[in-house]
């Protein structure tokens, strides 16, 4: 029993390619009786004919390739420009200050430090007196004890 014409008609009704149309093998007699597009639509409604979902294309290989590319060629021989040219001093300072300020704000929210200590440390960060988050933690513990 050749049902390729029915399959093609179903593909047009479903607005998909012929290869994506699937037919229930138990209902072949009902499908062979279907002549018009309305008959095909009724079979689709009943679930005897359906369209397979679209298969995606995996991006796994491309992602892996990009990840490897990022790691390659980072040695000192590949670096052109001074340390300051690759990451300017100001940009480095902004990154550090933002990190320290966030840490300080979270410590105040948790109740590890008071508002006075917060203000004092905030100004020290702004003035460059505190160099890193580690240094900030040391200062917080010192000022916290003097309460």
Protein backbone atom coordinates (compact mmCIF):
# COMPACT_ATOMS: atom_id res chain seq x y z
CA UNK A 1 0.00 0.00 0.00
CA UNK A 2 1.62 3.26 -1.20
CA UNK A 3 0.78 6.25 0.97
CA UNK A 4 3.39 8.68 -0.37
CA UNK A 5 0.67 10.92 -1.88
CA UNK A 6 -1.10 11.09 1.50
CA UNK A 7 2.21 11.90 3.16
CA UNK A 8 2.88 14.71 0.66
CA UNK A 9 -0.62 16.10 1.20
CA UNK A 10 -0.13 15.96 4.98
CA UNK A 11 3.19 17.78 4.57
CA UNK A 12 1.44 20.60 2.71
CA UNK A 13 -1.34 20.77 5.31
CA UNK A 14 1.14 20.76 8.21
CA UNK A 15 3.44 23.18 6.34
CA UNK A 16 6.52 20.98 6.89
CA UNK A 17 8.77 18.82 4.72
CA UNK A 18 7.74 15.31 3.71
CA UNK A 19 10.52 13.77 5.82
CA UNK A 20 9.11 15.30 9.00
CA UNK A 21 5.62 13.78 8.52
CA UNK A 22 4.99 10.70 10.67
CA UNK A 23 2.10 8.27 10.31
CA UNK A 24 0.77 5.79 12.85
CA UNK A 25 1.42 2.31 11.33
CA UNK A 26 -1.64 0.79 13.07
CA UNK A 27 -4.04 3.11 11.18
CA UNK A 28 -2.88 2.52 7.60
CA UNK A 29 -6.36 1.52 6.40
CA UNK A 30 -7.91 4.79 7.64
CA UNK A 31 -5.12 6.72 5.95
CA UNK A 32 -5.61 4.90 2.64
CA UNK A 33 -9.33 5.86 2.76
CA UNK A 34 -8.48 9.55 3.18
CA UNK A 35 -8.77 11.31 -0.16
CA UNK A 36 -9.23 15.01 0.50
CA UNK A 37 -7.26 17.56 2.50
CA UNK A 38 -10.14 17.68 4.98
CA UNK A 39 -9.72 13.95 5.58
CA UNK A 40 -6.02 14.52 6.24
CA UNK A 41 -6.83 17.40 8.61
CA UNK A 42 -9.20 15.12 10.54
CA UNK A 43 -6.46 12.47 10.87
CA UNK A 44 -4.04 15.12 12.10
CA UNK A 45 -6.58 16.21 14.70
CA UNK A 46 -6.97 12.61 15.87
CA UNK A 47 -3.19 12.22 16.18
CA UNK A 48 -2.81 9.54 13.50
CA UNK A 49 -0.63 11.89 11.42
CA UNK A 50 1.78 14.35 13.03
CA UNK A 51 4.92 16.36 12.30
CA UNK A 52 8.22 15.56 14.00
CA UNK A 53 9.81 18.51 15.86
CA UNK A 54 12.70 20.35 14.21
CA UNK A 55 16.11 18.95 15.08
CA UNK A 56 18.61 21.58 16.18
CA UNK A 57 22.25 21.73 15.19
CA UNK A 58 24.65 21.14 18.06
CA UNK A 59 27.06 24.00 18.79
CA UNK A 60 29.21 21.83 21.06
CA UNK A 61 32.17 21.55 18.71
CA UNK A 62 32.19 25.28 18.04
CA UNK A 63 32.02 26.09 21.74
CA UNK A 64 34.92 23.75 22.44
CA UNK A 65 36.92 25.30 19.63
CA UNK A 66 36.31 28.80 21.02
CA UNK A 67 37.29 27.72 24.53
CA UNK A 68 40.55 26.27 23.25
CA UNK A 69 41.22 29.37 21.18
CA UNK A 70 40.90 31.61 24.24
CA UNK A 71 43.53 29.64 26.15
CA UNK A 72 46.03 29.45 23.32
CA UNK A 73 48.65 32.08 22.59
CA UNK A 74 48.73 33.85 25.94
CA UNK A 75 52.41 33.43 26.70
CA UNK A 76 54.81 36.31 27.26
CA UNK A 77 56.10 35.97 23.69
CA UNK A 78 52.66 36.71 22.27
CA UNK A 79 52.06 39.84 24.34
CA UNK A 80 52.42 43.08 22.46
CA UNK A 81 52.37 46.22 24.52
CA UNK A 82 53.25 46.93 28.11
CA UNK A 83 51.25 45.76 31.12
CA UNK A 84 49.59 49.17 31.29
CA UNK A 85 48.63 49.03 27.62
CA UNK A 86 46.89 45.67 27.92
CA UNK A 87 44.94 46.68 31.05
CA UNK A 88 45.28 50.40 31.87
CA UNK A 89 46.12 51.34 35.45
CA UNK A 90 42.91 53.29 35.83
CA UNK A 91 40.76 50.36 34.67
CA UNK A 92 42.58 48.06 37.12
CA UNK A 93 41.99 50.59 39.90
CA UNK A 94 38.26 50.85 39.05
CA UNK A 95 37.87 47.05 39.13
CA UNK A 96 39.62 46.81 42.52
CA UNK A 97 37.72 49.71 44.06
CA UNK A 98 34.35 48.37 42.90
CA UNK A 99 35.13 44.95 44.35
CA UNK A 100 36.20 46.43 47.68
CA UNK A 101 33.17 48.74 47.89
CA UNK A 102 30.82 45.83 47.21
CA UNK A 103 32.53 43.77 49.89
CA UNK A 104 32.26 46.67 52.32
CA UNK A 105 28.54 47.19 51.61
CA UNK A 106 27.79 43.50 52.13
CA UNK A 107 29.68 43.54 55.43
CA UNK A 108 27.57 46.50 56.59
CA UNK A 109 24.33 44.75 55.55
CA UNK A 110 25.35 41.59 57.45
CA UNK A 111 26.09 43.71 60.52
CA UNK A 112 29.81 42.86 60.65
CA UNK A 113 30.68 46.56 60.80
CA UNK A 114 28.91 49.70 61.98
CA UNK A 115 28.08 52.74 59.89
CA UNK A 116 31.02 54.73 61.35
CA UNK A 117 33.52 52.01 60.46
CA UNK A 118 31.94 51.76 57.01
CA UNK A 119 32.41 55.49 56.39
CA UNK A 120 36.01 55.40 57.57
CA UNK A 121 36.93 52.39 55.41
CA UNK A 122 35.03 53.75 52.39
CA UNK A 123 37.17 56.88 52.42
CA UNK A 124 40.33 54.82 52.88
CA UNK A 125 39.42 52.76 49.81
CA UNK A 126 38.77 55.95 47.85
CA UNK A 127 42.14 57.38 48.89
CA UNK A 128 44.01 54.23 47.86
CA UNK A 129 45.05 53.51 51.43
CA UNK A 130 43.50 50.03 51.26
CA UNK A 131 45.08 47.95 48.50
CA UNK A 132 42.96 44.81 48.21
CA UNK A 133 40.03 42.87 49.65
CA UNK A 134 42.45 40.96 51.88
CA UNK A 135 43.81 44.25 53.23
CA UNK A 136 40.23 45.49 53.67
CA UNK A 137 39.34 42.41 55.73
CA UNK A 138 42.36 43.00 57.98
CA UNK A 139 41.33 46.62 58.53
CA UNK A 140 37.73 45.57 59.23
CA UNK A 141 38.88 43.10 61.89
CA UNK A 142 41.13 45.75 63.50
CA UNK A 143 38.43 48.43 63.55
CA UNK A 144 35.80 45.90 64.60
CA UNK A 145 37.86 44.98 67.70
CA UNK A 146 38.40 48.60 68.74
CA UNK A 147 34.62 49.08 69.21
